[in-house]
Amino acid sequence: MVGSSHEALHRIFQKDPTLLTQALQQVLHVPFPKPREIAAMNVDLTEIEPVERRVDTLMRAETDEGTYLLVVESQGKVDDRKRGSWPYYLSYLYEKYRCDPVLIVITQSSTTAKWASRPIRFGFRNWPSMTVRPLVLGPDNVPLITDARRAEREPTLTVLSAMTHGRGPQAPAILDSLVAALNSVDADTAAVFAQFVDSCLANSQAKQMWRELMKTVQYFWRHPLAEQVREEGREEGREEGREEGRIEACRRMVVHLLEWRRIPVPDAARERIEACTDLDRLEIWAERAVHAADAEELFTEG
């Protein structure tokens, strides 16, 4: 189970390696050749000396233009020590495998992205002996995908979009597109992606909304994250009674979904939701709340 945004941000490329070259081509507009084959590699770069060095994710891409090592580093904040370790990683990998390494940094922070994109130069000011130019994926260049049709066409890029923007004010805008994206992949993959997104949502309201929405989706229950949510539900059930606890949770979800999408919830609609004791009806309203144009659409029959 992924417990942090650091892990999720780079492990998504292990789950779907093709996303990495897709991001290079579509987000950074780097003409990286289409791989014939791409596979994960051992991330341990430790030598005989007792100094442990590990990259976050390492992929080997076989292309018509040659073999490349794709080095993915998840970076949460500015860390000037990386300006020494990153060049080391690249030179070590080249010496060991004799093929070109490519450094890709992914972050949720615009400040960190700007820092990471600065070239690393060693040597004289006008004649560097070494220059390292990281490719950086961050909230300023990864698109915020809110269109459901695009999400269905590019599900993994949509998940990356949600993860990259998970610490920003745009997080609520990802809900509709995420549902469409996850509905377009197989259930097991969707369950893993759902947890990646959960790990990257920093806004407490956004995270709670995401978890409440996921309770209504069948594939969610295939993943270990569901056990945590189930335990929360058990605790609530012990306090309020199992059925009443589920009903109350569903009422809150309906209201939160509308509020998260910035749709006004008039007092009359709020009172009708709070007065409802039919769990099946509340779940229908929750599904409608994801796409409804106004609160009244929840109650439309047919």
C-alpha atoms as a PDB file:
ATOM      1  CA  MET A   1       0.000   0.000   0.000  1.00  0.00           C
ATOM      2  CA  VAL A   2       1.416   3.393  -1.019  1.00  0.00           C
ATOM      3  CA  GLY A   3       1.458   5.714   1.970  1.00  0.00           C
ATOM      4  CA  SER A   4       2.950   8.923   0.599  1.00  0.00           C
ATOM      5  CA  SER A   5       2.803  11.222  -2.397  1.00  0.00           C
ATOM      6  CA  HIS A   6       6.568  10.727  -2.865  1.00  0.00           C
ATOM      7  CA  GLU A   7       6.065   7.027  -3.519  1.00  0.00           C
ATOM      8  CA  ALA A   8       2.941   7.462  -5.624  1.00  0.00           C
ATOM      9  CA  LEU A   9       4.441  10.090  -7.916  1.00  0.00           C
ATOM     10  CA  HIS A  10       7.143   7.794  -9.239  1.00  0.00           C
ATOM     11  CA  ARG A  11       5.486   4.381  -8.811  1.00  0.00           C
ATOM     12  CA  ILE A  12       2.733   5.282 -11.254  1.00  0.00           C
ATOM     13  CA  PHE A  13       5.388   4.902 -13.972  1.00  0.00           C
ATOM     14  CA  GLN A  14       6.157   1.400 -12.729  1.00  0.00           C
ATOM     15  CA  LYS A  15       2.461   0.563 -13.028  1.00  0.00           C
ATOM     16  CA  ASP A  16       2.259   1.970 -16.557  1.00  0.00           C
ATOM     17  CA  PRO A  17       5.735   2.496 -18.094  1.00  0.00           C
ATOM     18  CA  THR A  18       4.274   3.883 -21.324  1.00  0.00           C
ATOM     19  CA  LEU A  19       3.025   6.898 -19.355  1.00  0.00           C
ATOM     20  CA  LEU A  20       6.622   8.028 -18.956  1.00  0.00           C
ATOM     21  CA  THR A  21       7.299   8.416 -22.663  1.00  0.00           C
ATOM     22  CA  GLN A  22       3.785   9.839 -23.138  1.00  0.00           C
ATOM     23  CA  ALA A  23       4.585  12.559 -20.581  1.00  0.00           C
ATOM     24  CA  LEU A  24       7.902  13.332 -22.253  1.00  0.00           C
ATOM     25  CA  GLN A  25       6.280  13.657 -25.663  1.00  0.00           C
ATOM     26  CA  GLN A  26       2.985  15.381 -24.811  1.00  0.00           C
ATOM     27  CA  VAL A  27       3.846  17.438 -21.723  1.00  0.00           C
ATOM     28  CA  LEU A  28       7.514  18.350 -22.188  1.00  0.00           C
ATOM     29  CA  HIS A  29       7.430  18.107 -26.015  1.00  0.00           C
ATOM     30  CA  VAL A  30      10.655  16.111 -26.025  1.00  0.00           C
ATOM     31  CA  PRO A  31      10.940  14.028 -29.231  1.00  0.00           C
ATOM     32  CA  PHE A  32      11.687  10.833 -27.336  1.00  0.00           C
ATOM     33  CA  PRO A  33      11.464   7.817 -29.660  1.00  0.00           C
ATOM     34  CA  LYS A  34       8.631   5.333 -29.186  1.00  0.00           C
ATOM     35  CA  PRO A  35       9.943   2.333 -27.210  1.00  0.00           C
ATOM     36  CA  ARG A  36       9.668  -1.128 -28.681  1.00  0.00           C
ATOM     37  CA  GLU A  37      10.073  -2.470 -25.154  1.00  0.00           C
ATOM     38  CA  ILE A  38      10.255  -0.854 -21.719  1.00  0.00           C
ATOM     39  CA  ALA A  39      10.905  -2.516 -18.359  1.00  0.00           C
ATOM     40  CA  ALA A  40      11.659  -1.649 -14.747  1.00  0.00           C
ATOM     41  CA  MET A  41      15.198  -2.104 -13.402  1.00  0.00           C
ATOM     42  CA  ASN A  42      16.901  -2.423 -10.025  1.00  0.00           C
ATOM     43  CA  VAL A  43      16.993   1.025  -8.434  1.00  0.00           C
ATOM     44  CA  ASP A  44      19.969   0.269  -6.121  1.00  0.00           C
ATOM     45  CA  LEU A  45      23.091   2.183  -7.221  1.00  0.00           C
ATOM     46  CA  THR A  46      25.140   1.322  -4.117  1.00  0.00           C
ATOM     47  CA  GLU A  47      28.790   0.490  -4.783  1.00  0.00           C
ATOM     48  CA  ILE A  48      31.258  -1.489  -2.648  1.00  0.00           C
ATOM     49  CA  GLU A  49      31.727   1.519  -0.396  1.00  0.00           C
ATOM     50  CA  PRO A  50      29.067   1.609   2.379  1.00  0.00           C
ATOM     51  CA  VAL A  51      27.198   4.558   0.858  1.00  0.00           C
ATOM     52  CA  GLU A  52      23.650   3.733  -0.130  1.00  0.00           C
ATOM     53  CA  ARG A  53      22.379   5.447  -3.255  1.00  0.00           C
ATOM     54  CA  ARG A  54      19.003   4.665  -4.781  1.00  0.00           C
ATOM     55  CA  VAL A  55      16.984   6.282  -7.501  1.00  0.00           C
ATOM     56  CA  ASP A  56      13.210   6.302  -7.107  1.00  0.00           C
ATOM     57  CA  THR A  57      12.283   4.530 -10.360  1.00  0.00           C
ATOM     58  CA  LEU A  58      14.522   3.246 -13.135  1.00  0.00           C
ATOM     59  CA  MET A  59      13.230   2.070 -16.510  1.00  0.00           C
ATOM     60  CA  ARG A  60      15.084   0.645 -19.508  1.00  0.00           C
ATOM     61  CA  ALA A  61      13.602   1.696 -22.854  1.00  0.00           C
ATOM     62  CA  GLU A  62      14.564  -0.048 -26.095  1.00  0.00           C
ATOM     63  CA  THR A  63      13.900   2.176 -29.120  1.00  0.00           C
ATOM     64  CA  ASP A  64      14.831   2.277 -32.797  1.00  0.00           C
ATOM     65  CA  GLU A  65      17.335   5.006 -31.907  1.00  0.00           C
ATOM     66  CA  GLY A  66      19.018   3.056 -29.130  1.00  0.00           C
ATOM     67  CA  THR A  67      18.620   2.057 -25.490  1.00  0.00           C
ATOM     68  CA  TYR A  68      17.855   4.668 -22.834  1.00  0.00           C
ATOM     69  CA  LEU A  69      17.725   4.505 -19.048  1.00  0.00           C
ATOM     70  CA  LEU A  70      14.866   6.606 -17.710  1.00  0.00           C
ATOM     71  CA  VAL A  71      15.682   7.804 -14.198  1.00  0.00           C
ATOM     72  CA  VAL A  72      12.596   9.120 -12.352  1.00  0.00           C
ATOM     73  CA  GLU A  73      13.049  11.145  -9.158  1.00  0.00           C
ATOM     74  CA  SER A  74      10.080  12.251  -7.039  1.00  0.00           C
ATOM     75  CA  GLN A  75      10.999  15.547  -5.385  1.00  0.00           C
ATOM     76  CA  GLY A  76       8.895  17.077  -2.609  1.00  0.00           C
ATOM     77  CA  LYS A  77      11.015  20.157  -1.867  1.00  0.00           C
ATOM     78  CA  VAL A  78      14.200  21.986  -2.783  1.00  0.00           C
ATOM     79  CA  ASP A  79      17.227  19.908  -1.768  1.00  0.00           C
ATOM     80  CA  ASP A  80      20.601  21.155  -3.004  1.00  0.00           C
ATOM     81  CA  ARG A  81      22.229  17.821  -2.159  1.00  0.00           C
ATOM     82  CA  LYS A  82      20.485  16.427  -5.236  1.00  0.00           C
ATOM     83  CA  ARG A  83      22.614  18.703  -7.417  1.00  0.00           C
ATOM     84  CA  GLY A  84      25.475  16.415  -6.477  1.00  0.00           C
ATOM     85  CA  SER A  85      23.696  13.075  -6.342  1.00  0.00           C
ATOM     86  CA  TRP A  86      21.800  13.397  -9.633  1.00  0.00           C
ATOM     87  CA  PRO A  87      24.947  13.772 -11.790  1.00  0.00           C
ATOM     88  CA  TYR A  88      26.418  10.851  -9.860  1.00  0.00           C
ATOM     89  CA  TYR A  89      23.414   8.669 -10.689  1.00  0.00           C
ATOM     90  CA  LEU A  90      23.700   9.432 -14.393  1.00  0.00           C
ATOM     91  CA  SER A  91      27.449   8.894 -14.676  1.00  0.00           C
ATOM     92  CA  TYR A  92      27.272   5.675 -12.647  1.00  0.00           C
ATOM     93  CA  LEU A  93      24.437   4.300 -14.774  1.00  0.00           C
ATOM     94  CA  TYR A  94      26.264   5.139 -17.999  1.00  0.00           C
ATOM     95  CA  GLU A  95      29.445   3.477 -16.767  1.00  0.00           C
ATOM     96  CA  LYS A  96      27.541   0.357 -15.644  1.00  0.00           C
ATOM     97  CA  TYR A  97      25.168  -0.114 -18.601  1.00  0.00           C
ATOM     98  CA  ARG A  98      26.863   1.867 -21.389  1.00  0.00           C
ATOM     99  CA  CYS A  99      23.659   3.484 -22.581  1.00  0.00           C
ATOM    100  CA  ASP A 100      22.355   7.031 -22.207  1.00  0.00           C
ATOM    101  CA  PRO A 101      20.532   7.907 -18.974  1.00  0.00           C
ATOM    102  CA  VAL A 102      17.733  10.503 -18.945  1.00  0.00           C
ATOM    103  CA  LEU A 103      16.835  12.272 -15.679  1.00  0.00           C
ATOM    104  CA  ILE A 104      13.137  13.048 -15.126  1.00  0.00           C
ATOM    105  CA  VAL A 105      12.007  14.872 -11.979  1.00  0.00           C
ATOM    106  CA  ILE A 106       8.341  14.929 -10.930  1.00  0.00           C
ATOM    107  CA  THR A 107       6.963  17.247  -8.258  1.00  0.00           C
ATOM    108  CA  GLN A 108       3.732  18.777  -6.948  1.00  0.00           C
ATOM    109  CA  SER A 109       5.470  22.094  -6.163  1.00  0.00           C
ATOM    110  CA  SER A 110       5.977  24.921  -8.666  1.00  0.00           C
ATOM    111  CA  THR A 111       8.872  26.246  -6.578  1.00  0.00           C
ATOM    112  CA  THR A 112      10.569  22.852  -6.552  1.00  0.00           C
ATOM    113  CA  ALA A 113       9.950  22.444 -10.288  1.00  0.00           C
ATOM    114  CA  LYS A 114      11.697  25.742 -11.067  1.00  0.00           C
ATOM    115  CA  TRP A 115      14.632  24.784  -8.865  1.00  0.00           C
ATOM    116  CA  ALA A 116      14.936  21.298 -10.335  1.00  0.00           C
ATOM    117  CA  SER A 117      14.847  22.547 -13.942  1.00  0.00           C
ATOM    118  CA  ARG A 118      17.977  24.644 -13.485  1.00  0.00           C
ATOM    119  CA  PRO A 119      20.958  23.069 -15.305  1.00  0.00           C
ATOM    120  CA  ILE A 120      23.615  21.566 -13.055  1.00  0.00           C
ATOM    121  CA  ARG A 121      27.071  22.579 -14.265  1.00  0.00           C
ATOM    122  CA  PHE A 122      30.526  21.566 -13.025  1.00  0.00           C
ATOM    123  CA  GLY A 123      33.743  23.270 -14.214  1.00  0.00           C
ATOM    124  CA  PHE A 124      34.691  26.765 -15.390  1.00  0.00           C
ATOM    125  CA  ARG A 125      31.916  29.328 -15.744  1.00  0.00           C
ATOM    126  CA  ASN A 126      32.135  29.449 -19.537  1.00  0.00           C
ATOM    127  CA  TRP A 127      33.440  25.932 -20.039  1.00  0.00           C
ATOM    128  CA  PRO A 128      31.619  23.346 -17.915  1.00  0.00           C
ATOM    129  CA  SER A 129      33.132  19.884 -17.729  1.00  0.00           C
ATOM    130  CA  MET A 130      29.669  18.430 -17.076  1.00  0.00           C
ATOM    131  CA  THR A 131      26.133  19.722 -17.592  1.00  0.00           C
ATOM    132  CA  VAL A 132      23.015  17.940 -16.350  1.00  0.00           C
ATOM    133  CA  ARG A 133      19.636  19.228 -17.535  1.00  0.00           C
ATOM    134  CA  PRO A 134      16.748  17.483 -15.751  1.00  0.00           C
ATOM    135  CA  LEU A 135      13.392  17.126 -17.470  1.00  0.00           C
ATOM    136  CA  VAL A 136      10.788  18.288 -14.949  1.00  0.00           C
ATOM    137  CA  LEU A 137       7.093  17.366 -14.697  1.00  0.00           C
ATOM    138  CA  GLY A 138       5.114  19.600 -12.349  1.00  0.00           C
ATOM    139  CA  PRO A 139       1.911  21.571 -11.848  1.00  0.00           C
ATOM    140  CA  ASP A 140       3.032  24.282 -14.282  1.00  0.00           C
ATOM    141  CA  ASN A 141       3.326  21.967 -17.302  1.00  0.00           C
ATOM    142  CA  VAL A 142       1.291  18.810 -16.577  1.00  0.00           C
ATOM    143  CA  PRO A 143      -2.208  19.594 -17.895  1.00  0.00           C
ATOM    144  CA  LEU A 144      -5.127  19.788 -15.480  1.00  0.00           C
ATOM    145  CA  ILE A 145      -7.494  17.364 -17.192  1.00  0.00           C
ATOM    146  CA  THR A 146     -11.132  18.075 -16.357  1.00  0.00           C
ATOM    147  CA  ASP A 147     -12.716  16.874 -19.604  1.00  0.00           C
ATOM    148  CA  ALA A 148     -14.278  13.429 -19.208  1.00  0.00           C
ATOM    149  CA  ARG A 149     -13.833  12.502 -22.871  1.00  0.00           C
ATOM    150  CA  ARG A 150     -10.129  13.243 -22.782  1.00  0.00           C
ATOM    151  CA  ALA A 151      -9.864  11.372 -19.478  1.00  0.00           C
ATOM    152  CA  GLU A 152     -11.358   8.267 -21.084  1.00  0.00           C
ATOM    153  CA  ARG A 153      -8.887   8.532 -23.985  1.00  0.00           C
ATOM    154  CA  GLU A 154      -5.853   9.129 -21.766  1.00  0.00           C
ATOM    155  CA  PRO A 155      -6.619   7.580 -18.365  1.00  0.00           C
ATOM    156  CA  THR A 156      -3.072   7.291 -17.040  1.00  0.00           C
ATOM    157  CA  LEU A 157      -2.198  10.860 -18.027  1.00  0.00           C
ATOM    158  CA  THR A 158      -5.367  11.962 -16.215  1.00  0.00           C
ATOM    159  CA  VAL A 159      -4.264  10.118 -13.080  1.00  0.00           C
ATOM    160  CA  LEU A 160      -0.828  11.774 -13.342  1.00  0.00           C
ATOM    161  CA  SER A 161      -2.595  15.110 -13.733  1.00  0.00           C
ATOM    162  CA  ALA A 162      -4.596  14.525 -10.569  1.00  0.00           C
ATOM    163  CA  MET A 163      -1.513  13.472  -8.632  1.00  0.00           C
ATOM    164  CA  THR A 164       0.603  16.398  -9.821  1.00  0.00           C
ATOM    165  CA  HIS A 165      -2.086  18.944  -8.968  1.00  0.00           C
ATOM    166  CA  GLY A 166      -3.040  17.209  -5.729  1.00  0.00           C
ATOM    167  CA  ARG A 167      -1.548  19.929  -3.508  1.00  0.00           C
ATOM    168  CA  GLY A 168      -3.011  22.894  -5.368  1.00  0.00           C
ATOM    169  CA  PRO A 169      -6.325  24.726  -5.359  1.00  0.00           C
ATOM    170  CA  GLN A 170      -7.257  22.951  -8.593  1.00  0.00           C
ATOM    171  CA  ALA A 171      -7.625  19.589  -6.801  1.00  0.00           C
ATOM    172  CA  PRO A 172     -11.460  19.741  -6.639  1.00  0.00           C
ATOM    173  CA  ALA A 173     -11.621  20.126 -10.417  1.00  0.00           C
ATOM    174  CA  ILE A 174     -10.199  16.638 -10.945  1.00  0.00           C
ATOM    175  CA  LEU A 175     -13.191  14.704  -9.612  1.00  0.00           C
ATOM    176  CA  ASP A 176     -15.336  14.264 -12.712  1.00  0.00           C
ATOM    177  CA  SER A 177     -12.442  13.489 -15.054  1.00  0.00           C
ATOM    178  CA  LEU A 178     -10.944  11.027 -12.578  1.00  0.00           C
ATOM    179  CA  VAL A 179     -14.142   9.031 -12.389  1.00  0.00           C
ATOM    180  CA  ALA A 180     -14.224   8.809 -16.182  1.00  0.00           C
ATOM    181  CA  ALA A 181     -10.534   7.895 -16.328  1.00  0.00           C
ATOM    182  CA  LEU A 182     -10.755   5.096 -13.785  1.00  0.00           C
ATOM    183  CA  ASN A 183     -13.914   3.716 -15.353  1.00  0.00           C
ATOM    184  CA  SER A 184     -12.004   3.256 -18.622  1.00  0.00           C
ATOM    185  CA  VAL A 185      -9.351   0.865 -17.241  1.00  0.00           C
ATOM    186  CA  ASP A 186      -9.576  -2.591 -15.685  1.00  0.00           C
ATOM    187  CA  ALA A 187     -10.701  -2.862 -12.066  1.00  0.00           C
ATOM    188  CA  ASP A 188      -7.352  -3.897 -10.584  1.00  0.00           C
ATOM    189  CA  THR A 189      -5.487  -1.070 -12.306  1.00  0.00           C
ATOM    190  CA  ALA A 190      -8.190   1.392 -11.282  1.00  0.00           C
ATOM    191  CA  ALA A 191      -7.833   0.322  -7.656  1.00  0.00           C
ATOM    192  CA  VAL A 192      -4.084   1.000  -7.692  1.00  0.00           C
ATOM    193  CA  PHE A 193      -4.545   4.352  -9.437  1.00  0.00           C
ATOM    194  CA  ALA A 194      -7.243   5.316  -6.934  1.00  0.00           C
ATOM    195  CA  GLN A 195      -4.786   4.881  -4.105  1.00  0.00           C
ATOM    196  CA  PHE A 196      -2.030   6.774  -5.915  1.00  0.00           C
ATOM    197  CA  VAL A 197      -4.421   9.708  -6.178  1.00  0.00           C
ATOM    198  CA  ASP A 198      -5.449   9.365  -2.537  1.00  0.00           C
ATOM    199  CA  SER A 199      -1.792   9.564  -1.488  1.00  0.00           C
ATOM    200  CA  CYS A 200      -1.266  12.799  -3.415  1.00  0.00           C
ATOM    201  CA  LEU A 201      -4.327  14.775  -2.306  1.00  0.00           C
ATOM    202  CA  ALA A 202      -3.085  17.195   0.360  1.00  0.00           C
ATOM    203  CA  ASN A 203      -6.290  19.165   0.818  1.00  0.00           C
ATOM    204  CA  SER A 204      -8.222  17.440   3.625  1.00  0.00           C
ATOM    205  CA  GLN A 205     -11.613  18.201   2.057  1.00  0.00           C
ATOM    206  CA  ALA A 206     -10.467  16.898  -1.327  1.00  0.00           C
ATOM    207  CA  LYS A 207      -9.117  13.705   0.242  1.00  0.00           C
ATOM    208  CA  GLN A 208     -12.309  13.116   2.210  1.00  0.00           C
ATOM    209  CA  MET A 209     -14.418  13.737  -0.882  1.00  0.00           C
ATOM    210  CA  TRP A 210     -12.282  11.318  -2.886  1.00  0.00           C
ATOM    211  CA  ARG A 211     -12.609   8.588  -0.263  1.00  0.00           C
ATOM    212  CA  GLU A 212     -16.333   9.043   0.062  1.00  0.00           C
ATOM    213  CA  LEU A 213     -16.745   8.855  -3.689  1.00  0.00           C
ATOM    214  CA  MET A 214     -14.591   5.743  -3.858  1.00  0.00           C
ATOM    215  CA  LYS A 215     -16.856   3.998  -1.337  1.00  0.00           C
ATOM    216  CA  THR A 216     -19.538   3.887  -4.004  1.00  0.00           C
ATOM    217  CA  VAL A 217     -17.302   2.387  -6.694  1.00  0.00           C
ATOM    218  CA  GLN A 218     -16.975  -1.391  -6.851  1.00  0.00           C
ATOM    219  CA  TYR A 219     -13.315  -1.574  -7.931  1.00  0.00           C
ATOM    220  CA  PHE A 220     -12.236   0.447  -4.902  1.00  0.00           C
ATOM    221  CA  TRP A 221     -12.916  -2.458  -2.583  1.00  0.00           C
ATOM    222  CA  ARG A 222     -10.258  -4.583  -4.283  1.00  0.00           C
ATOM    223  CA  HIS A 223      -7.446  -2.449  -2.859  1.00  0.00           C
ATOM    224  CA  PRO A 224      -5.914  -2.426   0.665  1.00  0.00           C
ATOM    225  CA  LEU A 225      -6.831   1.246   1.044  1.00  0.00           C
ATOM    226  CA  ALA A 226     -10.423   0.066   1.300  1.00  0.00           C
ATOM    227  CA  GLU A 227      -9.632  -1.650   4.580  1.00  0.00           C
ATOM    228  CA  GLN A 228      -8.756   1.694   6.128  1.00  0.00           C
ATOM    229  CA  VAL A 229     -11.994   3.210   4.901  1.00  0.00           C
ATOM    230  CA  ARG A 230     -13.937   0.153   6.035  1.00  0.00           C
ATOM    231  CA  GLU A 231     -12.423   0.483   9.499  1.00  0.00           C
ATOM    232  CA  GLU A 232     -13.490   4.132   9.595  1.00  0.00           C
ATOM    233  CA  GLY A 233     -16.984   2.963   8.665  1.00  0.00           C
ATOM    234  CA  ARG A 234     -16.929   0.290  11.365  1.00  0.00           C
ATOM    235  CA  GLU A 235     -15.974   2.868  13.964  1.00  0.00           C
ATOM    236  CA  GLU A 236     -18.749   5.136  12.824  1.00  0.00           C
ATOM    237  CA  GLY A 237     -21.151   2.182  12.803  1.00  0.00           C
ATOM    238  CA  ARG A 238     -20.261   1.236  16.359  1.00  0.00           C
ATOM    239  CA  GLU A 239     -21.061   4.767  17.478  1.00  0.00           C
ATOM    240  CA  GLU A 240     -24.263   5.309  15.543  1.00  0.00           C
ATOM    241  CA  GLY A 241     -25.441   1.873  14.502  1.00  0.00           C
ATOM    242  CA  ARG A 242     -24.230   0.277  11.298  1.00  0.00           C
ATOM    243  CA  GLU A 243     -27.150   1.194   9.033  1.00  0.00           C
ATOM    244  CA  GLU A 244     -27.632   4.683  10.444  1.00  0.00           C
ATOM    245  CA  GLY A 245     -23.898   5.322  10.149  1.00  0.00           C
ATOM    246  CA  ARG A 246     -23.931   4.397   6.448  1.00  0.00           C
ATOM    247  CA  ILE A 247     -26.974   6.570   5.841  1.00  0.00           C
ATOM    248  CA  GLU A 248     -25.402   9.553   7.579  1.00  0.00           C
ATOM    249  CA  ALA A 249     -22.134   9.091   5.676  1.00  0.00           C
ATOM    250  CA  CYS A 250     -24.025   8.995   2.385  1.00  0.00           C
ATOM    251  CA  ARG A 251     -25.966  12.153   3.265  1.00  0.00           C
ATOM    252  CA  ARG A 252     -22.701  13.970   3.917  1.00  0.00           C
ATOM    253  CA  MET A 253     -21.233  12.676   0.679  1.00  0.00           C
ATOM    254  CA  VAL A 254     -24.129  14.040  -1.388  1.00  0.00           C
ATOM    255  CA  VAL A 255     -23.763  17.501   0.129  1.00  0.00           C
ATOM    256  CA  HIS A 256     -19.962  17.466  -0.015  1.00  0.00           C
ATOM    257  CA  LEU A 257     -19.925  16.464  -3.685  1.00  0.00           C
ATOM    258  CA  LEU A 258     -22.093  19.439  -4.586  1.00  0.00           C
ATOM    259  CA  GLU A 259     -20.140  21.844  -2.399  1.00  0.00           C
ATOM    260  CA  TRP A 260     -16.835  20.557  -3.753  1.00  0.00           C
ATOM    261  CA  ARG A 261     -18.066  21.256  -7.287  1.00  0.00           C
ATOM    262  CA  ARG A 262     -19.109  24.731  -6.103  1.00  0.00           C
ATOM    263  CA  ILE A 263     -22.794  24.029  -6.747  1.00  0.00           C
ATOM    264  CA  PRO A 264     -25.085  25.886  -4.314  1.00  0.00           C
ATOM    265  CA  VAL A 265     -27.080  23.700  -1.944  1.00  0.00           C
ATOM    266  CA  PRO A 266     -30.287  25.584  -1.014  1.00  0.00           C
ATOM    267  CA  ASP A 267     -31.744  25.019   2.438  1.00  0.00           C
ATOM    268  CA  ALA A 268     -34.699  23.118   0.958  1.00  0.00           C
ATOM    269  CA  ALA A 269     -32.394  20.676  -0.855  1.00  0.00           C
ATOM    270  CA  ARG A 270     -30.184  20.258   2.200  1.00  0.00           C
ATOM    271  CA  GLU A 271     -33.207  19.528   4.385  1.00  0.00           C
ATOM    272  CA  ARG A 272     -34.511  16.958   1.901  1.00  0.00           C
ATOM    273  CA  ILE A 273     -31.149  15.183   1.854  1.00  0.00           C
ATOM    274  CA  GLU A 274     -30.852  15.193   5.641  1.00  0.00           C
ATOM    275  CA  ALA A 275     -34.407  13.896   6.035  1.00  0.00           C
ATOM    276  CA  CYS A 276     -33.873  10.934   3.687  1.00  0.00           C
ATOM    277  CA  THR A 277     -33.452   7.553   5.394  1.00  0.00           C
ATOM    278  CA  ASP A 278     -33.427   5.425   2.223  1.00  0.00           C
ATOM    279  CA  LEU A 279     -29.804   4.355   1.625  1.00  0.00           C
ATOM    280  CA  ASP A 280     -30.462   3.245  -1.969  1.00  0.00           C
ATOM    281  CA  ARG A 281     -31.973   6.623  -2.817  1.00  0.00           C
ATOM    282  CA  LEU A 282     -29.096   8.466  -1.164  1.00  0.00           C
ATOM    283  CA  GLU A 283     -26.591   6.471  -3.221  1.00  0.00           C
ATOM    284  CA  ILE A 284     -28.471   7.426  -6.401  1.00  0.00           C
ATOM    285  CA  TRP A 285     -28.314  11.078  -5.352  1.00  0.00           C
ATOM    286  CA  ALA A 286     -24.578  10.716  -4.697  1.00  0.00           C
ATOM    287  CA  GLU A 287     -24.028   9.374  -8.219  1.00  0.00           C
ATOM    288  CA  ARG A 288     -26.065  12.238  -9.672  1.00  0.00           C
ATOM    289  CA  ALA A 289     -24.133  14.785  -7.561  1.00  0.00           C
ATOM    290  CA  VAL A 290     -20.995  14.008  -9.576  1.00  0.00           C
ATOM    291  CA  HIS A 291     -22.522  15.486 -12.762  1.00  0.00           C
ATOM    292  CA  ALA A 292     -25.597  17.478 -11.728  1.00  0.00           C
ATOM    293  CA  ALA A 293     -25.778  21.080 -12.941  1.00  0.00           C
ATOM    294  CA  ASP A 294     -27.731  22.125  -9.829  1.00  0.00           C
ATOM    295  CA  ALA A 295     -29.029  20.579  -6.622  1.00  0.00           C
ATOM    296  CA  GLU A 296     -32.525  20.069  -8.013  1.00  0.00           C
ATOM    297  CA  GLU A 297     -31.225  17.555 -10.560  1.00  0.00           C
ATOM    298  CA  LEU A 298     -30.624  15.133  -7.703  1.00  0.00           C
ATOM    299  CA  PHE A 299     -34.322  14.687  -7.184  1.00  0.00           C
ATOM    300  CA  THR A 300     -35.409  14.406 -10.809  1.00  0.00           C
ATOM    301  CA  GLU A 301     -37.224  11.139 -11.414  1.00  0.00           C
ATOM    302  CA  GLY A 302     -36.606   8.993 -14.453  1.00  0.00           C
END
